[in-house]
Amino acid sequence: MKNRIAADALWNDEERRQWMSVLAEAETDDLEALWDRLQDKPSYTVLHGPETGLIMVQARIGTMSGLFYLGEATVTKCFVTFDGQGIGASFILGRRPRHAEIAAVLDAMLQDPSKRGHLMASIIRPLDSRRQEAERLEAARAASTRVEFFTMVRGE
């Protein structure tokens, strides 16, 4: 029971949610390039996966409607452990087994406070910067196609 409480505490950690979000949304090529540059990669054991399956996606229209099932999405999941310590997990949209495996290993490594600072600086922050830049460029591209409408009142 004690291990279950510790695992639940990890899943509720906001910092972990942030790095998992960055890892999941990263471009696979960017993630692999940063992984290849990483020194001292740990030996790890794959506990489960990477395997691809489907999840059901829920949606809501507006704030007053209830949830409904929008459809299915493909997801790749992987669970690893390194040095017999914590368990790293990843759930990545699409069919990307290598991405899921690297993200799971990094999740396990980031749970170790002695490794976290270096990994945040060398992998998570660069990936997050690239994601923010891509979002900014997409917003600018969308804004350039924006059309302004106005209405003229007749007869006045």
Protein backbone atom coordinates (compact mmCIF):
# COMPACT_ATOMS: atom_id res chain seq x y z
CA MET A 1 0.00 0.00 0.00
CA LYS A 2 2.90 2.34 0.76
CA ASN A 3 4.23 2.00 -2.83
CA ARG A 4 0.79 2.80 -4.21
CA ILE A 5 0.64 6.05 -2.23
CA ALA A 6 4.12 7.04 -3.45
CA ALA A 7 3.13 6.31 -7.06
CA ASP A 8 -0.05 8.37 -6.71
CA ALA A 9 2.01 11.25 -5.30
CA LEU A 10 4.28 11.15 -8.37
CA TRP A 11 1.35 11.24 -10.77
CA ASN A 12 -0.01 14.33 -9.02
CA ASP A 13 3.28 16.24 -9.22
CA GLU A 14 2.83 19.40 -11.33
CA GLU A 15 6.51 19.54 -12.31
CA ARG A 16 6.30 15.99 -13.64
CA ARG A 17 3.16 16.85 -15.62
CA GLN A 18 5.03 19.71 -17.25
CA TRP A 19 8.05 17.67 -18.34
CA MET A 20 5.79 14.83 -19.52
CA SER A 21 3.82 17.32 -21.61
CA VAL A 22 7.01 18.66 -23.18
CA LEU A 23 8.28 15.13 -23.93
CA ALA A 24 4.94 13.99 -25.37
CA GLU A 25 4.52 17.04 -27.62
CA ALA A 26 8.12 17.19 -28.85
CA GLU A 27 9.03 16.41 -32.43
CA THR A 28 10.52 12.92 -32.55
CA ASP A 29 13.60 14.09 -34.49
CA ASP A 30 14.31 16.84 -31.93
CA LEU A 31 13.92 14.41 -29.03
CA GLU A 32 16.22 11.82 -30.64
CA ALA A 33 18.88 14.44 -31.44
CA LEU A 34 18.98 15.64 -27.83
CA TRP A 35 18.94 12.03 -26.57
CA ASP A 36 21.89 11.14 -28.82
CA ARG A 37 23.91 14.06 -27.39
CA LEU A 38 23.17 13.04 -23.79
CA GLN A 39 26.19 11.70 -21.93
CA ASP A 40 25.92 8.87 -19.40
CA LYS A 41 22.76 7.20 -20.69
CA PRO A 42 21.54 4.70 -18.10
CA SER A 43 21.00 1.05 -18.73
CA TYR A 44 17.29 0.47 -18.42
CA THR A 45 14.76 -2.31 -18.60
CA VAL A 46 11.60 -2.05 -20.67
CA LEU A 47 8.75 -3.23 -18.45
CA HIS A 48 5.99 -2.90 -21.02
CA GLY A 49 5.87 -1.82 -24.64
CA PRO A 50 6.39 0.24 -26.53
CA GLU A 51 3.06 -0.76 -27.96
CA THR A 52 0.45 1.06 -29.99
CA GLY A 53 -3.26 1.04 -29.28
CA LEU A 54 -6.34 3.23 -29.34
CA ILE A 55 -7.85 5.59 -26.81
CA MET A 56 -11.29 7.14 -26.87
CA VAL A 57 -11.24 10.94 -27.14
CA GLN A 58 -13.88 12.95 -25.28
CA ALA A 59 -14.98 16.45 -26.23
CA ARG A 60 -17.38 19.17 -25.16
CA ILE A 61 -19.07 21.94 -27.12
CA GLY A 62 -19.14 25.17 -25.14
CA THR A 63 -19.28 25.24 -21.38
CA MET A 64 -22.82 24.03 -20.87
CA SER A 65 -22.88 20.80 -22.88
CA GLY A 66 -21.93 17.43 -21.53
CA LEU A 67 -19.02 15.35 -22.67
CA PHE A 68 -19.40 13.18 -25.74
CA TYR A 69 -17.13 10.72 -27.51
CA LEU A 70 -15.46 12.39 -30.47
CA GLY A 71 -13.66 9.31 -31.76
CA GLU A 72 -10.52 7.27 -31.33
CA ALA A 73 -6.87 8.30 -31.41
CA THR A 74 -3.77 6.16 -31.83
CA VAL A 75 -1.38 6.24 -28.88
CA THR A 76 1.95 4.53 -28.16
CA LYS A 77 2.79 3.71 -24.54
CA CYS A 78 5.92 2.50 -22.84
CA PHE A 79 7.02 1.78 -19.26
CA VAL A 80 10.67 1.42 -18.21
CA THR A 81 12.79 1.27 -15.08
CA PHE A 82 16.46 2.08 -14.67
CA ASP A 83 18.79 0.88 -11.96
CA GLY A 84 15.82 -0.82 -10.28
CA GLN A 85 14.53 2.55 -9.08
CA GLY A 86 11.51 4.52 -10.27
CA ILE A 87 9.29 3.66 -13.18
CA GLY A 88 9.19 5.94 -16.20
CA ALA A 89 6.06 6.09 -18.32
CA SER A 90 5.06 7.69 -21.58
CA PHE A 91 1.91 7.98 -23.66
CA ILE A 92 2.55 9.52 -27.08
CA LEU A 93 -0.08 10.32 -29.71
CA GLY A 94 0.53 8.41 -32.92
CA ARG A 95 2.65 5.43 -33.84
CA ARG A 96 6.04 6.45 -32.47
CA PRO A 97 7.61 3.58 -30.50
CA ARG A 98 11.14 5.06 -30.32
CA HIS A 99 9.73 8.39 -29.12
CA ALA A 100 7.70 6.61 -26.43
CA GLU A 101 10.72 4.63 -25.23
CA ILE A 102 13.03 7.66 -25.00
CA ALA A 103 10.33 9.70 -23.23
CA ALA A 104 9.78 6.90 -20.69
CA VAL A 105 13.52 6.64 -19.95
CA LEU A 106 13.78 10.41 -19.54
CA ASP A 107 10.74 10.38 -17.24
CA ALA A 108 12.45 7.77 -15.04
CA MET A 109 15.69 9.77 -15.02
CA LEU A 110 13.93 13.06 -14.24
CA GLN A 111 12.39 11.50 -11.13
CA ASP A 112 15.92 11.31 -9.67
CA PRO A 113 16.59 14.74 -8.09
CA SER A 114 20.35 14.38 -8.70
CA LYS A 115 19.80 14.10 -12.48
CA ARG A 116 16.84 16.49 -12.82
CA GLY A 117 18.68 19.82 -13.06
CA HIS A 118 21.00 18.66 -15.85
CA LEU A 119 18.16 17.02 -17.83
CA MET A 120 15.89 20.02 -17.46
CA ALA A 121 18.63 22.28 -18.87
CA SER A 122 19.85 19.97 -21.63
CA ILE A 123 16.60 18.37 -22.85
CA ILE A 124 13.34 19.72 -21.41
CA ARG A 125 13.99 23.47 -21.76
CA PRO A 126 15.31 23.23 -25.34
CA LEU A 127 12.32 21.09 -26.36
CA ASP A 128 9.92 23.49 -24.65
CA SER A 129 11.55 26.47 -26.40
CA ARG A 130 11.17 24.75 -29.77
CA ARG A 131 7.52 23.98 -29.04
CA GLN A 132 6.81 27.58 -28.02
CA GLU A 133 8.55 28.91 -31.15
CA ALA A 134 6.54 26.54 -33.37
CA GLU A 135 3.31 27.70 -31.68
CA ARG A 136 4.31 31.34 -32.17
CA LEU A 137 5.06 30.79 -35.86
CA GLU A 138 1.76 28.97 -36.37
CA ALA A 139 -0.15 31.77 -34.63
CA ALA A 140 1.58 34.35 -36.83
CA ARG A 141 0.78 32.33 -39.95
CA ALA A 142 -2.86 32.02 -38.94
CA ALA A 143 -3.04 35.74 -38.09
CA SER A 144 -1.76 36.65 -41.56
CA THR A 145 -4.81 34.97 -43.14
CA ARG A 146 -7.28 36.66 -40.81
CA VAL A 147 -10.04 38.66 -42.48
CA GLU A 148 -11.63 41.65 -40.75
CA PHE A 149 -15.31 42.16 -41.48
CA PHE A 150 -17.26 45.31 -40.78
CA THR A 151 -20.85 46.29 -41.34
CA MET A 152 -22.07 49.50 -42.89
CA VAL A 153 -25.49 50.76 -41.95
CA ARG A 154 -27.59 51.87 -44.93
CA GLY A 155 -29.87 54.86 -44.94
CA GLU A 156 -28.45 56.72 -42.02
